[in-house]
Amino acid sequence: MGKTFMRSLMVSLMVIIGAVSFASAAVTPFARRGVSDRWVTWRVDALLHDDNRYDYREVRVKTKDKVVTLKGSVMTDYEKAHAVLVAGDIPGVKAVTDEIIVAEPVDPDIALMKRVRSEIVQDPLLKIIALDVDAKDGAVTLYGIVRDSEQKERVDELVHGIPGVKALADEILLE
């Protein structure tokens, strides 16, 4: 074998060994330490607040010894259960302490918004990408994004069937 072949073989092996060593060095400290409480808190908070289908503005996340505590309020039991599920699915989480309360609105418009949001989010046929609901004296306005026109029709049909809805303004966009 020629010197050129041996030299290129040696360079290739050195590159491979270097790459493996670099990757190993980058992964090993993380793997040894595991995830931090701070990272878990950040991840749960990001997943909850970046999901435009739910309203988690009033939910606070704390983590201690890989136990996530959720505090605050949401508008539906479904949102509460979803928040607990999201937190529990994060790698490294040992347990979730659920201190979220479901706020029962006194205002009839807020109660209607709650019913509409809950019905839409829980419908297994709908794949809502983003959702916001406004209500005033029984007139409901929907904002959000759905995948296709059939989804949009399903939302309209569903909302018209909710008690208390007198009118519907649909501002939902197609993806």
Protein backbone atom coordinates (compact mmCIF):
# COMPACT_ATOMS: atom_id res chain seq x y z
CA MET A 1 0.00 0.00 0.00
CA GLY A 2 1.20 3.44 -0.82
CA LYS A 3 2.06 6.19 1.62
CA THR A 4 -0.84 8.30 0.34
CA PHE A 5 -3.38 5.61 1.11
CA MET A 6 -1.94 5.00 4.60
CA ARG A 7 -1.87 8.73 5.32
CA SER A 8 -5.51 9.21 4.28
CA LEU A 9 -6.51 6.13 6.30
CA MET A 10 -4.77 7.56 9.39
CA VAL A 11 -6.39 10.97 8.89
CA SER A 12 -9.82 9.34 8.50
CA LEU A 13 -9.33 7.31 11.67
CA MET A 14 -8.20 10.39 13.59
CA VAL A 15 -11.27 12.32 12.42
CA ILE A 16 -13.59 9.47 13.45
CA ILE A 17 -11.89 9.09 16.85
CA GLY A 18 -12.03 12.83 17.38
CA ALA A 19 -15.70 13.00 16.48
CA VAL A 20 -16.56 10.11 18.80
CA SER A 21 -14.53 11.66 21.61
CA PHE A 22 -16.22 15.03 21.09
CA ALA A 23 -19.70 13.49 21.04
CA SER A 24 -18.90 11.41 24.10
CA ALA A 25 -17.59 14.44 25.97
CA ALA A 26 -20.69 16.42 25.04
CA VAL A 27 -23.12 13.71 26.18
CA THR A 28 -21.38 12.20 29.19
CA PRO A 29 -21.68 15.12 31.67
CA PHE A 30 -25.39 15.55 30.83
CA ALA A 31 -26.03 11.83 31.13
CA ARG A 32 -24.14 11.66 34.43
CA ARG A 33 -25.93 14.65 35.95
CA GLY A 34 -29.36 14.00 34.49
CA VAL A 35 -31.74 16.90 34.03
CA SER A 36 -31.85 19.75 36.51
CA ASP A 37 -34.92 20.98 38.37
CA ARG A 38 -34.46 24.28 36.57
CA TRP A 39 -34.55 22.57 33.17
CA VAL A 40 -37.66 20.56 34.13
CA THR A 41 -39.43 23.75 35.26
CA TRP A 42 -38.45 25.53 32.06
CA ARG A 43 -39.60 22.62 29.87
CA VAL A 44 -42.98 22.15 31.57
CA ASP A 45 -43.61 25.91 31.55
CA ALA A 46 -42.68 26.16 27.86
CA LEU A 47 -44.88 23.24 26.83
CA LEU A 48 -47.88 24.58 28.74
CA HIS A 49 -47.60 28.21 27.67
CA ASP A 50 -46.71 27.50 24.04
CA ASP A 51 -49.78 25.32 23.48
CA ASN A 52 -52.29 27.72 21.92
CA ARG A 53 -55.21 25.36 22.44
CA TYR A 54 -55.33 25.95 26.19
CA ASP A 55 -55.11 28.91 28.54
CA TYR A 56 -52.36 28.33 31.10
CA ARG A 57 -51.58 32.00 31.86
CA GLU A 58 -52.50 31.51 35.51
CA VAL A 59 -50.51 28.29 36.01
CA ARG A 60 -47.13 28.44 37.76
CA VAL A 61 -44.56 25.63 37.69
CA LYS A 62 -41.99 24.79 40.36
CA THR A 63 -39.69 21.79 40.59
CA LYS A 64 -37.81 20.43 43.58
CA ASP A 65 -35.96 17.12 43.57
CA LYS A 66 -37.61 16.26 40.22
CA VAL A 67 -41.12 16.67 41.70
CA VAL A 68 -43.12 19.20 39.67
CA THR A 69 -45.70 21.34 41.47
CA LEU A 70 -48.40 23.01 39.41
CA LYS A 71 -50.27 25.91 41.03
CA GLY A 72 -52.82 28.36 39.76
CA SER A 73 -56.14 28.17 38.00
CA VAL A 74 -57.61 27.00 34.73
CA MET A 75 -61.10 27.18 33.28
CA THR A 76 -61.82 23.47 32.74
CA ASP A 77 -61.16 20.08 34.30
CA TYR A 78 -59.78 19.00 30.94
CA GLU A 79 -57.12 21.75 30.99
CA LYS A 80 -56.17 20.74 34.52
CA ALA A 81 -55.77 17.07 33.58
CA HIS A 82 -53.81 18.00 30.45
CA ALA A 83 -51.35 20.15 32.45
CA VAL A 84 -50.67 17.26 34.85
CA LEU A 85 -50.19 14.87 31.92
CA VAL A 86 -47.74 17.24 30.18
CA ALA A 87 -45.67 17.69 33.35
CA GLY A 88 -45.59 13.95 34.04
CA ASP A 89 -44.34 13.15 30.55
CA ILE A 90 -41.13 15.19 30.91
CA PRO A 91 -38.02 12.98 31.17
CA GLY A 92 -36.63 12.94 34.69
CA VAL A 93 -39.87 13.91 36.46
CA LYS A 94 -40.51 11.63 39.44
CA ALA A 95 -43.95 12.96 40.39
CA VAL A 96 -46.41 15.79 39.81
CA THR A 97 -48.16 17.63 42.63
CA ASP A 98 -51.39 19.09 41.29
CA GLU A 99 -52.49 22.23 43.11
CA ILE A 100 -54.38 23.68 40.14
CA ILE A 101 -57.94 24.77 40.81
CA VAL A 102 -60.70 24.94 38.26
CA ALA A 103 -62.11 28.43 38.56
CA GLU A 104 -65.88 28.57 38.32
CA PRO A 105 -66.69 31.87 36.63
CA VAL A 106 -69.42 34.11 38.04
CA ASP A 107 -69.74 36.14 34.83
CA PRO A 108 -72.13 34.41 32.36
CA ASP A 109 -69.95 35.40 29.38
CA ILE A 110 -66.90 33.77 30.94
CA ALA A 111 -68.96 30.67 31.80
CA LEU A 112 -70.06 30.43 28.16
CA MET A 113 -66.46 30.86 26.97
CA LYS A 114 -65.49 28.03 29.32
CA ARG A 115 -68.19 25.70 27.98
CA VAL A 116 -67.31 26.47 24.34
CA ARG A 117 -63.56 26.02 24.86
CA SER A 118 -64.08 22.80 26.78
CA GLU A 119 -66.36 21.28 24.13
CA ILE A 120 -63.97 22.15 21.29
CA VAL A 121 -60.81 20.95 23.02
CA GLN A 122 -62.38 17.65 24.11
CA ASP A 123 -63.85 16.76 20.72
CA PRO A 124 -61.83 13.76 19.45
CA LEU A 125 -62.53 14.64 15.80
CA LEU A 126 -60.98 18.09 16.02
CA LYS A 127 -57.30 18.90 15.68
CA ILE A 128 -57.18 22.51 16.82
CA ILE A 129 -53.81 24.17 16.34
CA ALA A 130 -54.68 27.44 18.10
CA LEU A 131 -57.86 28.51 19.87
CA ASP A 132 -59.26 31.61 21.50
CA VAL A 133 -62.89 32.19 22.45
CA ASP A 134 -64.71 35.44 23.22
CA ALA A 135 -68.33 35.74 24.35
CA LYS A 136 -70.61 38.69 24.94
CA ASP A 137 -74.30 38.27 25.75
CA GLY A 138 -74.45 34.85 24.08
CA ALA A 139 -72.59 35.94 20.94
CA VAL A 140 -69.48 33.79 20.59
CA THR A 141 -66.44 34.70 18.49
CA LEU A 142 -63.89 32.02 17.71
CA TYR A 143 -60.30 32.68 16.73
CA GLY A 144 -57.81 29.99 15.86
CA ILE A 145 -56.36 27.67 13.27
CA VAL A 146 -57.64 24.29 12.08
CA ARG A 147 -56.25 21.86 9.53
CA ASP A 148 -59.00 21.97 6.90
CA SER A 149 -62.52 23.13 6.01
CA GLU A 150 -64.12 19.97 7.46
CA GLN A 151 -62.56 20.80 10.82
CA LYS A 152 -63.91 24.34 10.57
CA GLU A 153 -67.41 23.04 9.79
CA ARG A 154 -67.18 20.64 12.74
CA VAL A 155 -66.27 23.51 15.09
CA ASP A 156 -69.23 25.59 13.88
CA GLU A 157 -71.62 22.64 14.24
CA LEU A 158 -70.33 21.86 17.72
CA VAL A 159 -70.54 25.45 18.98
CA HIS A 160 -74.06 26.00 17.62
CA GLY A 161 -75.18 23.03 19.74
CA ILE A 162 -73.89 24.46 23.03
CA PRO A 163 -76.61 25.86 25.32
CA GLY A 164 -76.38 29.63 25.66
CA VAL A 165 -74.83 30.28 22.25
CA LYS A 166 -77.11 32.75 20.46
CA ALA A 167 -74.78 33.75 17.62
CA LEU A 168 -71.43 32.66 16.24
CA ALA A 169 -68.75 34.72 14.53
CA ASP A 170 -66.16 32.34 13.15
CA GLU A 171 -62.71 33.90 12.67
CA ILE A 172 -61.00 30.52 12.46
CA LEU A 173 -58.33 30.20 9.77
CA LEU A 174 -57.29 27.16 7.80
CA GLU A 175 -53.73 25.90 8.17
